[in-house]
Amino acid sequence: MDVFEAIKIRRSSREYSPKPVPKKLLLKIAEVAQLAPSASNIQPWHFIFVTDRDKRKQLSESKWAGFLAESPVVVVGCGDQKASPGWYRVDVTIALEHIVLAAASKGLGTCWVGSFEEDKVKQLLKIPEDYRVVALLALGYPLEKLDSSGKPGHLIHKRKKLDQIVSYEEFGKQSG
């Protein structure tokens, strides 16, 4: 599957099959994070793949994160704020999006989660002081929801038109 197809099929999945994701596949997905670009090639990231049921349950205790308890894997994206104070958030986010697209290309679903209490996550996962938790990703085999026509519901994406999100040379300018 090429990257354009992975982007088109990617969706936020909040319901997952209990089927575990093989470690070999997790390692393959981790490789793409390793290849992500970063400011000055510092690579200020560290990713924790959490599969332990009790830890996933604890990670799910924030307001919008309840589905993490049933996600077979939670990827915790951490950034070294000391190594790259101005860019660790951007760099970790780029690498996490690489994970999202690689997962989609392998038939896995993901969902970004920003609802977490950083201090609790750091304590639970023994994350060093210099690292910040940037985001969590649910990851696993998604359960399909069908729309009223019987097609997978994720195939219908309501998106703004390109002329609403793209300008040329200056904001709002549509042609050169």
Protein backbone atom coordinates (compact mmCIF):
# COMPACT_ATOMS: atom_id res chain seq x y z
CA MET A 1 0.00 0.00 0.00
CA ASP A 2 1.40 3.41 -0.88
CA VAL A 3 1.39 6.35 1.51
CA PHE A 4 -1.54 8.08 -0.25
CA GLU A 5 -3.73 5.00 0.21
CA ALA A 6 -2.69 4.72 3.89
CA ILE A 7 -3.67 8.36 4.41
CA LYS A 8 -7.03 7.84 2.69
CA ILE A 9 -7.98 4.77 4.77
CA ARG A 10 -6.65 6.06 8.10
CA ARG A 11 -9.28 6.94 10.66
CA SER A 12 -9.54 7.40 14.39
CA SER A 13 -10.52 4.03 15.85
CA ARG A 14 -11.98 3.92 19.34
CA GLU A 15 -13.12 0.29 19.35
CA TYR A 16 -10.68 -2.58 18.98
CA SER A 17 -10.62 -6.32 18.68
CA PRO A 18 -8.96 -7.98 21.68
CA LYS A 19 -6.60 -9.70 19.22
CA PRO A 20 -3.03 -8.87 20.26
CA VAL A 21 -0.71 -7.11 17.84
CA PRO A 22 2.34 -9.32 17.21
CA LYS A 23 5.60 -7.96 18.60
CA LYS A 24 7.23 -8.38 15.18
CA LEU A 25 4.63 -6.02 13.71
CA LEU A 26 5.12 -3.52 16.55
CA LEU A 27 8.85 -3.50 15.83
CA LYS A 28 8.20 -2.92 12.13
CA ILE A 29 5.97 0.02 13.01
CA ALA A 30 8.58 1.37 15.45
CA GLU A 31 11.12 1.41 12.61
CA VAL A 32 9.21 4.16 10.82
CA ALA A 33 9.35 6.35 13.93
CA GLN A 34 13.10 5.84 13.96
CA LEU A 35 13.24 7.16 10.37
CA ALA A 36 11.26 10.34 11.07
CA PRO A 37 12.97 13.70 10.55
CA SER A 38 13.86 15.83 13.55
CA ALA A 39 15.42 19.25 14.13
CA SER A 40 19.21 18.95 13.81
CA ASN A 41 18.68 15.17 13.69
CA ILE A 42 18.58 15.12 17.51
CA GLN A 43 15.82 12.47 17.51
CA PRO A 44 14.56 13.53 20.95
CA TRP A 45 11.93 10.82 21.14
CA HIS A 46 11.24 7.68 23.08
CA PHE A 47 8.20 5.47 22.53
CA ILE A 48 6.71 3.14 25.12
CA PHE A 49 4.51 0.36 23.72
CA VAL A 50 2.17 -0.53 26.59
CA THR A 51 0.41 -3.89 26.26
CA ASP A 52 -0.12 -4.70 29.96
CA ARG A 53 -3.87 -4.67 30.71
CA ASP A 54 -3.55 -3.01 34.14
CA LYS A 55 -1.32 -0.23 32.81
CA ARG A 56 -3.63 0.38 29.85
CA LYS A 57 -6.54 0.61 32.30
CA GLN A 58 -4.69 3.23 34.32
CA LEU A 59 -3.83 5.18 31.18
CA SER A 60 -7.54 5.17 30.26
CA GLU A 61 -8.68 7.01 33.39
CA SER A 62 -8.66 10.51 31.87
CA LYS A 63 -11.87 12.12 30.61
CA TRP A 64 -11.64 11.25 26.88
CA ALA A 65 -9.33 8.24 27.10
CA GLY A 66 -11.64 5.44 28.31
CA PHE A 67 -11.19 3.34 25.17
CA LEU A 68 -7.46 2.91 25.89
CA ALA A 69 -8.34 0.15 28.34
CA GLU A 70 -9.58 -2.02 25.44
CA SER A 71 -6.93 -1.01 22.92
CA PRO A 72 -4.38 -3.86 22.69
CA VAL A 73 -1.51 -1.36 22.60
CA VAL A 74 -1.04 2.18 23.83
CA VAL A 75 1.92 4.00 22.34
CA VAL A 76 3.24 6.71 24.64
CA GLY A 77 5.26 9.30 22.74
CA CYS A 78 7.83 11.03 24.92
CA GLY A 79 10.20 13.87 24.08
CA ASP A 80 13.52 14.84 25.64
CA GLN A 81 12.96 18.48 26.48
CA LYS A 82 16.57 18.96 27.56
CA ALA A 83 18.03 17.62 24.30
CA SER A 84 15.69 19.68 22.10
CA PRO A 85 13.85 22.31 24.14
CA GLY A 86 12.32 24.15 21.20
CA TRP A 87 11.45 21.21 18.97
CA TYR A 88 10.84 17.99 20.90
CA ARG A 89 7.04 18.33 20.63
CA VAL A 90 7.12 18.78 16.87
CA ASP A 91 9.66 15.99 16.38
CA VAL A 92 7.76 13.47 18.51
CA THR A 93 4.50 14.38 16.76
CA ILE A 94 6.05 13.80 13.33
CA ALA A 95 7.35 10.40 14.45
CA LEU A 96 3.97 9.48 15.94
CA GLU A 97 2.25 10.33 12.66
CA HIS A 98 4.72 8.01 10.91
CA ILE A 99 3.50 5.30 13.32
CA VAL A 100 -0.14 6.15 12.52
CA LEU A 101 0.40 5.81 8.77
CA ALA A 102 2.48 2.63 9.06
CA ALA A 103 -0.22 1.11 11.28
CA ALA A 104 -2.93 2.00 8.73
CA SER A 105 -0.89 0.38 5.96
CA LYS A 106 -0.79 -2.84 8.01
CA GLY A 107 -4.53 -2.93 8.73
CA LEU A 108 -4.29 -1.47 12.22
CA GLY A 109 -6.32 1.36 13.64
CA THR A 110 -5.06 4.20 15.80
CA CYS A 111 -6.43 7.15 17.68
CA TRP A 112 -4.54 10.16 19.00
CA VAL A 113 -5.16 10.85 22.69
CA GLY A 114 -4.29 14.14 24.33
CA SER A 115 -6.41 13.56 27.41
CA PHE A 116 -3.98 12.37 30.07
CA GLU A 117 -2.43 13.52 33.31
CA GLU A 118 1.25 13.72 32.49
CA ASP A 119 2.49 13.27 36.06
CA LYS A 120 0.46 10.07 36.46
CA VAL A 121 1.68 8.69 33.11
CA LYS A 122 5.29 9.51 33.96
CA GLN A 123 5.02 7.84 37.36
CA LEU A 124 3.23 4.75 36.02
CA LEU A 125 5.76 4.19 33.23
CA LYS A 126 8.86 5.41 35.08
CA ILE A 127 9.57 8.16 32.53
CA PRO A 128 12.68 10.23 33.38
CA GLU A 129 12.35 13.84 34.49
CA ASP A 130 13.86 15.34 31.31
CA TYR A 131 11.19 13.67 29.16
CA ARG A 132 7.72 15.05 28.54
CA VAL A 133 4.71 13.01 27.44
CA VAL A 134 3.61 14.51 24.12
CA ALA A 135 0.69 12.23 23.18
CA LEU A 136 -0.75 8.75 23.48
CA LEU A 137 -1.89 6.57 20.58
CA ALA A 138 -4.36 3.73 20.83
CA LEU A 139 -3.28 0.99 18.43
CA GLY A 140 -4.87 -2.30 17.44
CA TYR A 141 -7.16 -4.13 15.05
CA PRO A 142 -10.23 -1.91 14.69
CA LEU A 143 -13.79 -3.12 14.95
CA GLU A 144 -15.61 -1.95 11.82
CA LYS A 145 -18.76 0.13 12.07
CA LEU A 146 -21.07 0.05 9.06
CA ASP A 147 -23.01 3.05 7.82
CA SER A 148 -26.67 2.83 6.77
CA SER A 149 -25.70 1.48 3.31
CA GLY A 150 -23.70 -1.39 4.83
CA LYS A 151 -20.31 0.10 3.90
CA PRO A 152 -17.55 0.72 6.44
CA GLY A 153 -18.36 4.06 8.04
CA HIS A 154 -14.79 5.29 7.93
CA LEU A 155 -14.87 5.52 4.13
CA ILE A 156 -17.00 8.65 4.36
CA HIS A 157 -14.78 11.61 5.23
CA LYS A 158 -16.32 15.05 5.29
CA ARG A 159 -13.44 17.36 4.47
CA LYS A 160 -13.15 21.02 3.61
CA LYS A 161 -12.48 21.83 -0.04
CA LEU A 162 -8.86 22.51 -0.98
CA ASP A 163 -9.57 26.16 -1.76
CA GLN A 164 -10.66 26.55 1.89
CA ILE A 165 -7.36 25.29 3.27
CA VAL A 166 -4.75 26.20 0.63
CA SER A 167 -3.54 29.64 -0.46
CA TYR A 168 -0.79 30.75 -2.81
CA GLU A 169 1.80 33.37 -1.88
CA GLU A 170 -0.37 34.86 0.89
CA PHE A 171 -3.29 33.84 3.08
CA GLY A 172 -6.55 33.65 1.12
CA LYS A 173 -5.01 34.15 -2.33
CA GLN A 174 -6.23 31.42 -4.69
CA SER A 175 -4.10 31.98 -7.79
CA GLY A 176 -0.80 33.49 -8.88
